[in-house]
Amino acid sequence: MKREDDFETRSVHLKGLSEDGLTERFWMLANQLVDPMLDLGRRYTTPAIERSVLLRMGFSSIEAGPIVEGAIRKGLMGKGCGHVVWRLSVQKGISVRQAGLELAEGRCWDEAASLFGKGGR
């Protein structure tokens, strides 16, 4: 079965766009595709998923548990626990491991929350 070449008719709406216009349209459409997936990830993450992410980042289950619990307390689960740890490490200029251990020991949660526009306490 041979497909008819209908590129000319399907691309008429793109003819008047410049290179910059095409690039802008591409990213607009790409964001339309990705946004629902990001939304699902934010809304449907679970403590088990977040612990799993932290385990893959090199934390033990004993270390991951308090990080996930802290993220829940601070309302940061939707940001992703690994993301919270990484952002804190960048902010403080320390390793991801050290940032995670700080959080696991109950320190730096207000600072981590402020990185995502969440108030302390």
Protein backbone atom coordinates (compact mmCIF):
# COMPACT_ATOMS: atom_id res chain seq x y z
CA MET A 1 0.00 0.00 0.00
CA LYS A 2 1.49 3.29 -1.08
CA ARG A 3 0.72 6.44 0.84
CA GLU A 4 -0.22 9.50 -1.18
CA ASP A 5 2.15 12.43 -0.84
CA ASP A 6 0.02 15.13 0.77
CA PHE A 7 2.80 17.19 2.33
CA GLU A 8 1.94 20.29 0.29
CA THR A 9 -1.65 20.35 1.51
CA ARG A 10 -0.74 19.52 5.13
CA SER A 11 1.96 22.21 5.33
CA VAL A 12 0.05 25.17 3.89
CA HIS A 13 -0.44 26.72 7.35
CA LEU A 14 3.35 26.75 7.87
CA LYS A 15 4.29 28.50 4.62
CA GLY A 16 4.22 32.05 5.99
CA LEU A 17 6.34 31.31 9.06
CA SER A 18 9.97 32.39 9.32
CA GLU A 19 12.66 30.13 10.77
CA ASP A 20 12.08 31.76 14.16
CA GLY A 21 8.34 31.33 13.75
CA LEU A 22 8.77 27.65 12.97
CA THR A 23 11.02 27.21 15.99
CA GLU A 24 8.50 28.97 18.21
CA ARG A 25 5.66 26.82 16.87
CA PHE A 26 7.70 23.66 17.40
CA TRP A 27 8.33 24.48 21.06
CA MET A 28 4.72 25.50 21.61
CA LEU A 29 3.55 22.13 20.27
CA ALA A 30 6.25 20.24 22.19
CA ASN A 31 5.13 21.91 25.42
CA GLN A 32 1.52 21.01 24.66
CA LEU A 33 2.61 17.37 24.44
CA VAL A 34 4.78 17.36 27.55
CA ASP A 35 2.69 19.51 29.92
CA PRO A 36 0.02 16.83 30.55
CA MET A 37 2.74 14.28 31.35
CA LEU A 38 4.40 16.66 33.79
CA ASP A 39 1.04 17.35 35.38
CA LEU A 40 0.41 13.63 35.84
CA GLY A 41 3.83 13.22 37.39
CA ARG A 42 3.16 16.03 39.83
CA ARG A 43 -0.28 14.82 40.81
CA TYR A 44 0.31 11.10 40.97
CA THR A 45 3.68 10.61 42.57
CA THR A 46 3.72 8.49 45.67
CA PRO A 47 6.06 8.07 48.60
CA ALA A 48 7.12 4.71 47.12
CA ILE A 49 8.01 6.29 43.78
CA GLU A 50 9.95 9.08 45.49
CA ARG A 51 11.84 6.60 47.71
CA SER A 52 12.68 4.63 44.57
CA VAL A 53 14.09 7.75 42.90
CA LEU A 54 16.22 8.49 45.95
CA LEU A 55 17.48 4.89 46.04
CA ARG A 56 18.60 5.25 42.43
CA MET A 57 20.39 8.44 43.42
CA GLY A 58 22.47 6.39 45.87
CA PHE A 59 20.64 6.92 49.14
CA SER A 60 19.81 3.95 51.36
CA SER A 61 16.23 3.19 52.28
CA ILE A 62 17.00 4.38 55.81
CA GLU A 63 18.14 7.74 54.39
CA ALA A 64 15.37 7.99 51.79
CA GLY A 65 12.51 7.58 54.27
CA PRO A 66 13.10 10.81 56.22
CA ILE A 67 13.67 12.76 53.00
CA VAL A 68 10.29 11.66 51.64
CA GLU A 69 8.59 12.37 54.98
CA GLY A 70 10.11 15.85 55.06
CA ALA A 71 8.98 16.53 51.50
CA ILE A 72 5.45 15.53 52.46
CA ARG A 73 5.50 17.81 55.53
CA LYS A 74 6.74 20.76 53.46
CA GLY A 75 4.34 20.17 50.56
CA LEU A 76 7.15 19.39 48.12
CA MET A 77 6.11 15.95 46.90
CA GLY A 78 4.89 17.39 43.60
CA LYS A 79 8.35 18.79 42.97
CA GLY A 80 9.96 15.38 43.33
CA CYS A 81 12.25 14.43 46.21
CA GLY A 82 15.24 13.96 43.92
CA HIS A 83 14.63 17.42 42.48
CA VAL A 84 14.45 18.91 45.98
CA VAL A 85 17.76 17.27 46.93
CA TRP A 86 19.42 18.39 43.70
CA ARG A 87 18.20 22.00 43.96
CA LEU A 88 19.40 22.21 47.56
CA SER A 89 22.81 20.87 46.56
CA VAL A 90 23.12 23.51 43.83
CA GLN A 91 21.97 26.29 46.17
CA LYS A 92 24.39 25.33 48.93
CA GLY A 93 27.26 24.35 46.61
CA ILE A 94 27.51 20.87 48.11
CA SER A 95 27.23 17.38 46.69
CA VAL A 96 23.83 15.80 46.06
CA ARG A 97 24.73 13.17 48.64
CA GLN A 98 25.53 15.75 51.31
CA ALA A 99 22.35 17.73 50.55
CA GLY A 100 20.27 14.57 50.90
CA LEU A 101 21.93 13.66 54.17
CA GLU A 102 21.24 17.16 55.50
CA LEU A 103 17.56 16.71 54.69
CA ALA A 104 17.48 13.15 56.06
CA GLU A 105 18.83 14.50 59.35
CA GLY A 106 16.06 17.10 59.48
CA ARG A 107 18.15 20.12 58.53
CA CYS A 108 17.71 22.64 55.69
CA TRP A 109 14.01 21.98 55.07
CA ASP A 110 13.03 25.64 55.28
CA GLU A 111 15.80 26.48 52.82
CA ALA A 112 14.70 23.68 50.49
CA ALA A 113 11.07 24.83 50.69
CA SER A 114 12.05 28.41 49.88
CA LEU A 115 13.73 27.21 46.67
CA PHE A 116 10.29 26.23 45.42
CA GLY A 117 8.43 29.27 46.70
CA LYS A 118 7.08 27.42 49.71
CA GLY A 119 7.18 29.17 53.03
CA GLY A 120 9.13 27.77 55.91
CA ARG A 121 7.54 25.86 58.76
